[in-house]
C-alpha cells in the first residue's frame, strides 16, 4: 500500500493541468487576415488579491505592451465567476481617432494576466 501511494505521489506532477477557456474573440486585420485570440488558464483556485482599480491599472499597462497601442477608454470591466473567477476588460483604441477595434484583457483575481493564444483562421 505504501508503494502504491509513493507511485501516485510521484506521478501526480506529471499529469498536465486542464486548461479552461475564459474568453475568445475574432479579429480581422487590415490585410484581411482573420485571427482568434483564445484566453485560457490552467490555474483553478486563485485568491482574489487585487482590487478592481488595481486590476484596471494592470490591464491598461498590458494593453500597451501586448497590442502596442496606448490604452484607450475602458469600455467594459466585469468580474466573471464562471468557469473560474477572472476579470474581463475591454478597451477601445480611440486615442488616435475613431475606434478601429476592441482590445481585450483577461486577468485572474490575483492580478496575473492570461496570455492569449493567437490562431490564424484560414
N, C-alpha and C. Protein backbone atom coordinates (compact mmCIF):
# COMPACT_ATOMS: atom_id res chain seq x y z
N UNK A 1 0.82 -1.18 0.00
CA UNK A 1 0.00 0.00 0.00
C UNK A 1 0.88 1.26 0.00
N UNK A 2 1.94 1.23 0.80
CA UNK A 2 2.84 2.37 0.86
C UNK A 2 3.49 2.61 -0.50
N UNK A 3 3.84 1.51 -1.20
CA UNK A 3 4.45 1.61 -2.52
C UNK A 3 3.49 2.29 -3.50
N UNK A 4 2.22 1.91 -3.48
CA UNK A 4 1.22 2.49 -4.37
C UNK A 4 1.07 3.99 -4.10
N UNK A 5 1.06 4.40 -2.86
CA UNK A 5 0.95 5.82 -2.52
C UNK A 5 2.17 6.58 -3.03
N UNK A 6 3.35 5.99 -2.91
CA UNK A 6 4.58 6.63 -3.40
C UNK A 6 4.52 6.81 -4.90
N UNK A 7 4.07 5.80 -5.61
CA UNK A 7 3.97 5.87 -7.07
C UNK A 7 2.97 6.95 -7.47
N UNK A 8 1.82 7.01 -6.82
CA UNK A 8 0.81 8.02 -7.15
C UNK A 8 1.31 9.44 -6.88
N UNK A 9 1.99 9.64 -5.78
CA UNK A 9 2.54 10.97 -5.46
C UNK A 9 3.62 11.35 -6.47
N UNK A 10 4.39 10.38 -6.92
CA UNK A 10 5.43 10.65 -7.91
C UNK A 10 4.84 11.00 -9.26
N UNK A 11 3.78 10.34 -9.66
CA UNK A 11 3.17 10.57 -10.96
C UNK A 11 2.26 11.79 -11.00
N UNK A 12 1.76 12.23 -9.87
CA UNK A 12 0.82 13.34 -9.83
C UNK A 12 1.32 14.60 -10.51
N UNK A 13 2.56 15.05 -10.29
CA UNK A 13 3.02 16.25 -11.00
C UNK A 13 3.13 16.06 -12.52
N UNK A 14 3.19 14.83 -12.99
CA UNK A 14 3.31 14.58 -14.42
C UNK A 14 1.98 14.75 -15.15
N UNK A 15 0.87 14.78 -14.42
CA UNK A 15 -0.44 14.94 -15.04
C UNK A 15 -0.61 16.42 -15.38
N UNK A 16 -0.86 16.73 -16.64
CA UNK A 16 -0.98 18.14 -17.01
C UNK A 16 -2.26 18.76 -16.45
N UNK A 17 -2.16 20.03 -16.12
CA UNK A 17 -3.33 20.76 -15.64
C UNK A 17 -4.29 20.95 -16.80
N UNK A 18 -5.55 20.95 -16.50
CA UNK A 18 -6.57 21.13 -17.53
C UNK A 18 -6.79 22.62 -17.73
N UNK A 19 -6.63 23.07 -18.96
CA UNK A 19 -6.87 24.48 -19.27
C UNK A 19 -8.36 24.73 -19.42
N UNK A 20 -8.77 25.90 -18.97
CA UNK A 20 -10.16 26.32 -19.07
C UNK A 20 -10.21 27.55 -19.95
N UNK A 21 -11.06 27.53 -20.98
CA UNK A 21 -11.20 28.70 -21.84
C UNK A 21 -12.05 29.74 -21.13
N UNK A 22 -11.49 30.96 -21.02
CA UNK A 22 -12.19 32.05 -20.34
C UNK A 22 -12.84 33.02 -21.31
N UNK A 23 -12.19 33.23 -22.46
CA UNK A 23 -12.71 34.19 -23.43
C UNK A 23 -12.06 33.93 -24.78
N UNK A 24 -12.81 34.22 -25.84
CA UNK A 24 -12.31 34.06 -27.20
C UNK A 24 -12.93 35.15 -28.06
N UNK A 25 -12.13 35.73 -28.94
CA UNK A 25 -12.70 36.67 -29.91
C UNK A 25 -11.93 36.62 -31.21
N UNK A 26 -12.63 37.03 -32.27
CA UNK A 26 -12.04 37.05 -33.61
C UNK A 26 -11.68 38.48 -33.96
N UNK A 27 -10.59 38.59 -34.70
CA UNK A 27 -10.10 39.90 -35.14
C UNK A 27 -9.75 39.82 -36.62
N UNK A 28 -10.22 40.79 -37.38
CA UNK A 28 -9.88 40.87 -38.80
C UNK A 28 -8.86 41.98 -38.97
N UNK A 29 -7.68 41.61 -39.46
CA UNK A 29 -6.59 42.56 -39.66
C UNK A 29 -6.86 43.41 -40.90
N UNK A 30 -6.12 44.50 -41.00
CA UNK A 30 -6.28 45.40 -42.14
C UNK A 30 -6.01 44.70 -43.47
N UNK A 31 -5.14 43.68 -43.46
CA UNK A 31 -4.84 42.96 -44.70
C UNK A 31 -5.87 41.88 -45.03
N UNK A 32 -6.92 41.78 -44.22
CA UNK A 32 -7.98 40.82 -44.48
C UNK A 32 -7.83 39.50 -43.73
N UNK A 33 -6.68 39.28 -43.11
CA UNK A 33 -6.47 38.05 -42.35
C UNK A 33 -7.35 38.01 -41.11
N UNK A 34 -7.79 36.82 -40.73
CA UNK A 34 -8.61 36.64 -39.54
C UNK A 34 -7.84 35.87 -38.49
N UNK A 35 -7.95 36.33 -37.26
CA UNK A 35 -7.26 35.70 -36.15
C UNK A 35 -8.23 35.47 -35.01
N UNK A 36 -7.97 34.46 -34.22
CA UNK A 36 -8.72 34.24 -32.98
C UNK A 36 -7.76 34.40 -31.82
N UNK A 37 -8.18 35.15 -30.83
CA UNK A 37 -7.44 35.29 -29.59
C UNK A 37 -8.17 34.41 -28.57
N UNK A 38 -7.46 33.44 -28.00
CA UNK A 38 -8.06 32.48 -27.09
C UNK A 38 -7.38 32.63 -25.73
N UNK A 39 -8.14 33.03 -24.73
CA UNK A 39 -7.61 33.22 -23.38
C UNK A 39 -7.98 31.98 -22.56
N UNK A 40 -6.95 31.21 -22.16
CA UNK A 40 -7.15 30.01 -21.36
C UNK A 40 -6.27 30.09 -20.12
N UNK A 41 -6.75 29.47 -19.04
CA UNK A 41 -5.98 29.47 -17.79
C UNK A 41 -5.88 28.05 -17.25
N UNK A 42 -4.73 27.73 -16.69
CA UNK A 42 -4.53 26.44 -16.03
C UNK A 42 -4.89 26.53 -14.54
N UNK A 43 -4.72 27.72 -13.97
CA UNK A 43 -4.96 27.92 -12.55
C UNK A 43 -6.45 27.82 -12.27
N UNK A 44 -6.81 27.07 -11.24
CA UNK A 44 -8.22 26.88 -10.93
C UNK A 44 -8.64 27.66 -9.68
N UNK A 45 -7.80 27.68 -8.66
CA UNK A 45 -8.15 28.30 -7.38
C UNK A 45 -7.16 29.41 -7.06
N UNK A 46 -7.43 30.59 -7.57
CA UNK A 46 -6.55 31.72 -7.36
C UNK A 46 -7.26 32.70 -6.42
N UNK A 47 -6.64 33.09 -5.32
CA UNK A 47 -7.31 34.02 -4.40
C UNK A 47 -7.39 35.42 -5.00
N UNK A 48 -8.46 36.12 -4.66
CA UNK A 48 -8.61 37.50 -5.15
C UNK A 48 -7.79 38.40 -4.24
N UNK A 49 -6.68 38.92 -4.80
CA UNK A 49 -5.77 39.75 -4.02
C UNK A 49 -5.61 41.16 -4.59
N UNK A 50 -6.25 41.46 -5.72
CA UNK A 50 -6.18 42.81 -6.27
C UNK A 50 -7.58 43.42 -6.33
N UNK A 51 -7.62 44.72 -6.13
CA UNK A 51 -8.89 45.45 -6.19
C UNK A 51 -9.28 45.69 -7.64
N UNK A 52 -10.48 46.14 -7.85
CA UNK A 52 -10.95 46.47 -9.19
C UNK A 52 -10.09 47.57 -9.80
N UNK A 53 -9.71 48.55 -9.02
CA UNK A 53 -8.88 49.65 -9.51
C UNK A 53 -7.49 49.17 -9.92
N UNK A 54 -6.90 48.32 -9.09
CA UNK A 54 -5.57 47.78 -9.39
C UNK A 54 -5.64 46.88 -10.63
N UNK A 55 -6.69 46.09 -10.74
CA UNK A 55 -6.86 45.23 -11.92
C UNK A 55 -6.96 46.08 -13.19
N UNK A 56 -7.67 47.20 -13.13
CA UNK A 56 -7.79 48.09 -14.29
C UNK A 56 -6.44 48.68 -14.67
N UNK A 57 -5.62 49.02 -13.70
CA UNK A 57 -4.28 49.55 -13.98
C UNK A 57 -3.40 48.49 -14.64
N UNK A 58 -3.44 47.28 -14.12
CA UNK A 58 -2.66 46.19 -14.71
C UNK A 58 -3.11 45.95 -16.14
N UNK A 59 -4.42 45.93 -16.37
CA UNK A 59 -4.96 45.69 -17.71
C UNK A 59 -4.54 46.79 -18.68
N UNK A 60 -4.60 48.05 -18.25
CA UNK A 60 -4.20 49.16 -19.13
C UNK A 60 -2.73 49.08 -19.48
N UNK A 61 -1.89 48.73 -18.52
CA UNK A 61 -0.46 48.57 -18.80
C UNK A 61 -0.21 47.43 -19.79
N UNK A 62 -0.94 46.35 -19.64
CA UNK A 62 -0.75 45.19 -20.51
C UNK A 62 -1.20 45.49 -21.94
N UNK A 63 -2.27 46.27 -22.09
CA UNK A 63 -2.74 46.66 -23.43
C UNK A 63 -1.61 47.33 -24.19
N UNK A 64 -0.91 48.24 -23.54
CA UNK A 64 0.18 48.96 -24.18
C UNK A 64 1.29 48.02 -24.62
N UNK A 65 1.63 47.06 -23.79
CA UNK A 65 2.72 46.13 -24.09
C UNK A 65 2.31 45.11 -25.15
N UNK A 66 1.15 44.50 -24.99
CA UNK A 66 0.76 43.40 -25.87
C UNK A 66 0.27 43.89 -27.24
N UNK A 67 -0.60 44.89 -27.24
CA UNK A 67 -1.18 45.36 -28.51
C UNK A 67 -0.36 46.47 -29.16
N UNK A 68 0.62 46.98 -28.46
CA UNK A 68 1.49 48.05 -28.97
C UNK A 68 0.71 49.32 -29.30
N UNK A 69 -0.26 49.66 -28.45
CA UNK A 69 -1.02 50.89 -28.59
C UNK A 69 -1.23 51.48 -27.20
N UNK A 70 -1.52 52.76 -27.16
CA UNK A 70 -1.89 53.38 -25.90
C UNK A 70 -3.27 52.87 -25.49
N UNK A 71 -3.43 52.56 -24.24
CA UNK A 71 -4.73 52.09 -23.77
C UNK A 71 -5.73 53.23 -23.89
N UNK A 72 -6.83 52.97 -24.54
CA UNK A 72 -7.89 53.97 -24.68
C UNK A 72 -8.83 53.90 -23.49
N UNK A 73 -10.07 54.08 -23.75
CA UNK A 73 -11.10 54.08 -22.72
C UNK A 73 -11.47 52.64 -22.36
N UNK A 74 -11.69 52.40 -21.08
CA UNK A 74 -12.23 51.09 -20.68
C UNK A 74 -13.71 51.11 -21.02
N UNK A 75 -14.09 50.30 -22.00
CA UNK A 75 -15.48 50.23 -22.43
C UNK A 75 -16.30 49.37 -21.47
N UNK A 76 -15.75 48.22 -21.08
CA UNK A 76 -16.41 47.37 -20.09
C UNK A 76 -15.36 46.75 -19.19
N UNK A 77 -15.80 46.47 -17.98
CA UNK A 77 -14.95 45.87 -16.96
C UNK A 77 -15.86 44.99 -16.13
N UNK A 78 -15.58 43.69 -16.13
CA UNK A 78 -16.51 42.77 -15.48
C UNK A 78 -15.74 41.69 -14.74
N UNK A 79 -16.20 41.36 -13.54
CA UNK A 79 -15.63 40.24 -12.80
C UNK A 79 -16.57 39.06 -13.02
N UNK A 80 -16.06 38.02 -13.65
CA UNK A 80 -16.85 36.85 -14.03
C UNK A 80 -16.44 35.69 -13.13
N UNK A 81 -17.42 34.94 -12.64
CA UNK A 81 -17.12 33.88 -11.68
C UNK A 81 -17.06 32.48 -12.29
N UNK A 82 -17.47 32.33 -13.55
CA UNK A 82 -17.51 31.01 -14.16
C UNK A 82 -16.82 31.04 -15.51
N UNK A 83 -16.09 30.05 -15.93
CA UNK A 83 -15.87 28.76 -15.28
C UNK A 83 -14.92 28.86 -14.08
N UNK A 84 -14.05 29.87 -14.07
CA UNK A 84 -13.26 30.19 -12.89
C UNK A 84 -13.28 31.71 -12.76
N UNK A 85 -13.11 32.25 -11.57
CA UNK A 85 -13.15 33.71 -11.41
C UNK A 85 -12.05 34.41 -12.22
N UNK A 86 -12.44 35.50 -12.91
CA UNK A 86 -11.48 36.29 -13.69
C UNK A 86 -12.09 37.65 -14.04
N UNK A 87 -11.22 38.60 -14.30
CA UNK A 87 -11.63 39.91 -14.79
C UNK A 87 -11.59 39.89 -16.31
N UNK A 88 -12.56 40.53 -16.94
CA UNK A 88 -12.56 40.73 -18.39
C UNK A 88 -12.67 42.23 -18.64
N UNK A 89 -11.65 42.77 -19.30
CA UNK A 89 -11.62 44.19 -19.64
C UNK A 89 -11.70 44.34 -21.15
N UNK A 90 -12.41 45.34 -21.58
CA UNK A 90 -12.49 45.67 -23.00
C UNK A 90 -12.14 47.15 -23.14
N UNK A 91 -11.10 47.44 -23.91
CA UNK A 91 -10.65 48.80 -24.17
C UNK A 91 -10.97 49.17 -25.62
N UNK A 92 -11.19 50.44 -25.87
CA UNK A 92 -11.26 50.91 -27.25
C UNK A 92 -9.94 51.58 -27.58
N UNK A 93 -9.62 51.65 -28.85
CA UNK A 93 -8.37 52.29 -29.26
C UNK A 93 -8.66 53.65 -29.89
N UNK A 94 -9.35 54.48 -29.15
CA UNK A 94 -9.83 55.77 -29.68
C UNK A 94 -8.86 56.92 -29.50
N UNK A 95 -7.68 56.69 -28.99
CA UNK A 95 -6.75 57.79 -28.74
C UNK A 95 -6.25 58.44 -30.02
N UNK A 96 -6.24 57.69 -31.12
CA UNK A 96 -5.74 58.24 -32.38
C UNK A 96 -6.87 58.48 -33.39
N UNK A 97 -8.07 58.71 -32.93
CA UNK A 97 -9.17 58.96 -33.85
C UNK A 97 -10.32 58.01 -33.60
N UNK A 98 -11.16 57.78 -34.62
CA UNK A 98 -12.30 56.89 -34.46
C UNK A 98 -11.87 55.47 -34.07
N UNK A 99 -12.73 54.79 -33.35
CA UNK A 99 -12.41 53.46 -32.88
C UNK A 99 -12.18 52.51 -34.06
N UNK A 100 -11.09 51.80 -34.03
CA UNK A 100 -10.74 50.83 -35.05
C UNK A 100 -11.05 49.40 -34.61
N UNK A 101 -10.84 49.12 -33.33
CA UNK A 101 -11.06 47.77 -32.81
C UNK A 101 -11.17 47.80 -31.30
N UNK A 102 -11.62 46.68 -30.77
CA UNK A 102 -11.70 46.50 -29.32
C UNK A 102 -10.48 45.69 -28.88
N UNK A 103 -9.97 46.00 -27.71
CA UNK A 103 -8.78 45.34 -27.17
C UNK A 103 -9.19 44.67 -25.85
N UNK A 104 -8.95 43.38 -25.73
CA UNK A 104 -9.41 42.63 -24.57
C UNK A 104 -8.24 42.19 -23.70
N UNK A 105 -8.51 42.18 -22.40
CA UNK A 105 -7.53 41.71 -21.41
C UNK A 105 -8.28 40.83 -20.42
N UNK A 106 -7.68 39.69 -20.09
CA UNK A 106 -8.23 38.79 -19.08
C UNK A 106 -7.21 38.70 -17.95
N UNK A 107 -7.68 38.93 -16.73
CA UNK A 107 -6.82 38.85 -15.54
C UNK A 107 -7.42 37.86 -14.55
N UNK A 108 -6.56 37.12 -13.90
CA UNK A 108 -7.01 36.28 -12.79
C UNK A 108 -7.18 37.18 -11.56
N UNK A 109 -7.89 36.70 -10.54
CA UNK A 109 -8.16 37.53 -9.36
C UNK A 109 -6.91 38.01 -8.61
N UNK A 110 -5.76 37.37 -8.84
CA UNK A 110 -4.53 37.80 -8.18
C UNK A 110 -3.76 38.82 -9.02
N UNK A 111 -4.34 39.24 -10.15
CA UNK A 111 -3.70 40.24 -10.99
C UNK A 111 -2.83 39.66 -12.09
N UNK A 112 -2.74 38.35 -12.18
CA UNK A 112 -1.94 37.72 -13.22
C UNK A 112 -2.69 37.80 -14.56
N UNK A 113 -1.98 38.28 -15.59
CA UNK A 113 -2.57 38.40 -16.92
C UNK A 113 -2.60 37.03 -17.59
N UNK A 114 -3.71 36.73 -18.23
CA UNK A 114 -3.84 35.50 -19.01
C UNK A 114 -3.38 35.82 -20.43
N UNK A 115 -2.28 35.22 -20.83
CA UNK A 115 -1.72 35.45 -22.17
C UNK A 115 -2.57 34.70 -23.20
N UNK A 116 -3.07 35.38 -24.21
CA UNK A 116 -3.89 34.67 -25.20
C UNK A 116 -3.04 33.86 -26.18
N UNK A 117 -3.63 32.80 -26.65
CA UNK A 117 -3.06 32.06 -27.77
C UNK A 117 -3.68 32.69 -29.01
N UNK A 118 -2.88 32.88 -30.03
CA UNK A 118 -3.38 33.51 -31.24
C UNK A 118 -3.36 32.48 -32.35
N UNK A 119 -4.52 32.27 -32.96
CA UNK A 119 -4.63 31.29 -34.04
C UNK A 119 -5.12 32.01 -35.30
N UNK A 120 -4.41 31.77 -36.40
CA UNK A 120 -4.85 32.36 -37.67
C UNK A 120 -5.95 31.49 -38.24
N UNK A 121 -7.01 32.13 -38.67
CA UNK A 121 -8.13 31.41 -39.28
C UNK A 121 -7.95 31.40 -40.78
N UNK A 122 -8.11 30.24 -41.37
CA UNK A 122 -7.94 30.10 -42.81
C UNK A 122 -9.25 30.23 -43.53
